[in-house]
């Protein structure tokens, strides 16, 4: 059974950098078939893909967030991490980590973590 669990702060201040970690069990993040992804959902809006990291450590980001986003990994802990800088209240959302297939389908999701950007 594959499980993903997000962890990180629930409240951050504007202009700060958000750091969220996803811990994976039941699979390894070096698995060749999958893309380890971050997705968010602002209040009242749809899902927004943020980016992913591959088994080799290559990263791909949404063009709209690319300048503020970094995804890294710790293979010894089977974790991958999202950093999103220069936060504004518009970054308030529920943030999810997920395992995506080569066809773009996310077959396993974390439960999500609410992040609020407010002073």
Protein backbone atom coordinates (compact mmCIF):
# COMPACT_ATOMS: atom_id res chain seq x y z
CA UNK A 1 0.00 0.00 0.00
CA UNK A 2 1.51 3.30 -1.12
CA UNK A 3 1.10 6.15 1.33
CA UNK A 4 2.14 9.79 1.15
CA UNK A 5 2.12 12.21 4.05
CA UNK A 6 2.67 15.96 3.88
CA UNK A 7 4.25 17.88 6.75
CA UNK A 8 5.03 21.53 7.29
CA UNK A 9 3.76 24.76 8.81
CA UNK A 10 0.11 25.67 8.60
CA UNK A 11 0.65 29.42 8.85
CA UNK A 12 3.35 31.46 7.16
CA UNK A 13 3.85 35.19 6.73
CA UNK A 14 3.86 37.07 3.44
CA UNK A 15 7.26 37.26 1.74
CA UNK A 16 8.49 34.16 3.59
CA UNK A 17 9.37 30.81 2.03
CA UNK A 18 7.13 27.81 2.49
CA UNK A 19 8.77 24.42 2.96
CA UNK A 20 6.67 21.25 2.84
CA UNK A 21 7.92 17.68 2.98
CA UNK A 22 6.24 14.58 1.61
CA UNK A 23 7.18 11.26 3.20
CA UNK A 24 6.52 8.21 1.03
CA UNK A 25 5.99 4.64 2.18
CA UNK A 26 5.17 1.54 0.18
CA UNK A 27 7.21 2.73 -2.82
CA UNK A 28 10.54 4.42 -3.43
CA UNK A 29 10.93 7.86 -4.97
CA UNK A 30 13.63 6.43 -7.24
CA UNK A 31 11.03 4.20 -8.91
CA UNK A 32 11.43 4.59 -12.67
CA UNK A 33 7.74 4.71 -13.48
CA UNK A 34 6.53 7.65 -11.44
CA UNK A 35 6.71 11.41 -11.01
CA UNK A 36 6.56 12.72 -7.46
CA UNK A 37 4.33 15.74 -7.57
CA UNK A 38 3.06 18.74 -5.66
CA UNK A 39 -0.45 20.07 -6.30
CA UNK A 40 -2.49 22.71 -4.52
CA UNK A 41 -6.09 23.83 -4.28
CA UNK A 42 -6.89 27.41 -3.24
CA UNK A 43 -10.18 27.99 -1.43
CA UNK A 44 -13.11 27.78 -3.85
CA UNK A 45 -10.87 26.98 -6.82
CA UNK A 46 -9.69 23.94 -8.73
CA UNK A 47 -6.51 21.92 -8.44
CA UNK A 48 -3.30 23.56 -9.59
CA UNK A 49 -0.25 21.51 -10.49
CA UNK A 50 2.94 22.97 -9.00
CA UNK A 51 5.64 20.60 -10.24
CA UNK A 52 7.33 17.25 -9.86
CA UNK A 53 10.63 15.49 -9.39
CA UNK A 54 11.67 12.35 -11.26
CA UNK A 55 13.61 9.27 -10.21
CA UNK A 56 16.81 10.86 -11.47
CA UNK A 57 16.21 14.09 -9.59
CA UNK A 58 15.14 16.14 -12.60
CA UNK A 59 12.47 18.71 -11.86
CA UNK A 60 9.68 20.34 -13.83
CA UNK A 61 7.59 23.26 -12.67
CA UNK A 62 4.40 25.04 -13.64
CA UNK A 63 5.40 28.05 -15.75
CA UNK A 64 3.32 30.35 -13.57
CA UNK A 65 5.18 29.29 -10.41
CA UNK A 66 8.58 28.36 -11.79
CA UNK A 67 10.42 31.46 -10.62
CA UNK A 68 9.38 30.83 -6.99
CA UNK A 69 9.44 27.02 -6.82
CA UNK A 70 12.04 24.43 -5.95
CA UNK A 71 11.47 20.69 -5.46
CA UNK A 72 14.21 18.53 -3.99
CA UNK A 73 14.50 15.08 -2.46
CA UNK A 74 16.21 13.02 0.21
CA UNK A 75 16.44 9.47 -1.09
CA UNK A 76 17.81 8.17 2.23
CA UNK A 77 14.54 9.24 3.90
CA UNK A 78 12.33 8.57 0.88
CA UNK A 79 11.09 12.16 1.03
CA UNK A 80 10.66 15.01 -1.39
CA UNK A 81 10.30 18.66 -0.49
CA UNK A 82 8.58 21.72 -1.92
CA UNK A 83 9.90 25.20 -1.37
CA UNK A 84 7.80 28.15 -2.51
CA UNK A 85 9.27 31.60 -2.00
CA UNK A 86 7.97 35.16 -1.86
CA UNK A 87 4.63 34.07 -0.51
CA UNK A 88 1.50 36.19 -0.83
CA UNK A 89 -2.04 35.58 0.50
CA UNK A 90 -2.86 34.18 -2.96
CA UNK A 91 -0.68 31.19 -2.10
CA UNK A 92 -3.15 30.18 0.62
CA UNK A 93 -4.30 26.70 -0.33
CA UNK A 94 -4.44 23.06 0.60
CA UNK A 95 -1.20 21.51 -0.60
CA UNK A 96 -1.01 17.88 -1.70
CA UNK A 97 1.79 15.57 -2.65
CA UNK A 98 0.98 12.79 -5.08
CA UNK A 99 2.45 10.02 -7.18
CA UNK A 100 1.82 10.60 -10.89
CA UNK A 101 2.09 8.07 -13.67
CA UNK A 102 3.66 8.66 -17.07
CA UNK A 103 0.16 9.29 -18.39
CA UNK A 104 -0.33 12.19 -15.99
CA UNK A 105 -2.72 10.42 -13.65
CA UNK A 106 -2.15 10.82 -9.92
CA UNK A 107 -2.88 7.41 -8.48
CA UNK A 108 -1.90 8.04 -4.87
CA UNK A 109 -2.36 11.24 -2.88
CA UNK A 110 -1.47 12.51 0.54
CA UNK A 111 -4.30 13.77 2.70
CA UNK A 112 -3.24 17.36 2.08
CA UNK A 113 -2.09 20.09 4.41
CA UNK A 114 -3.69 23.51 4.74
CA UNK A 115 -1.32 26.44 4.37
CA UNK A 116 -2.47 29.96 5.17
CA UNK A 117 -0.38 32.99 4.23
CA UNK A 118 -1.20 35.84 6.57
CA UNK A 119 0.54 38.42 8.68
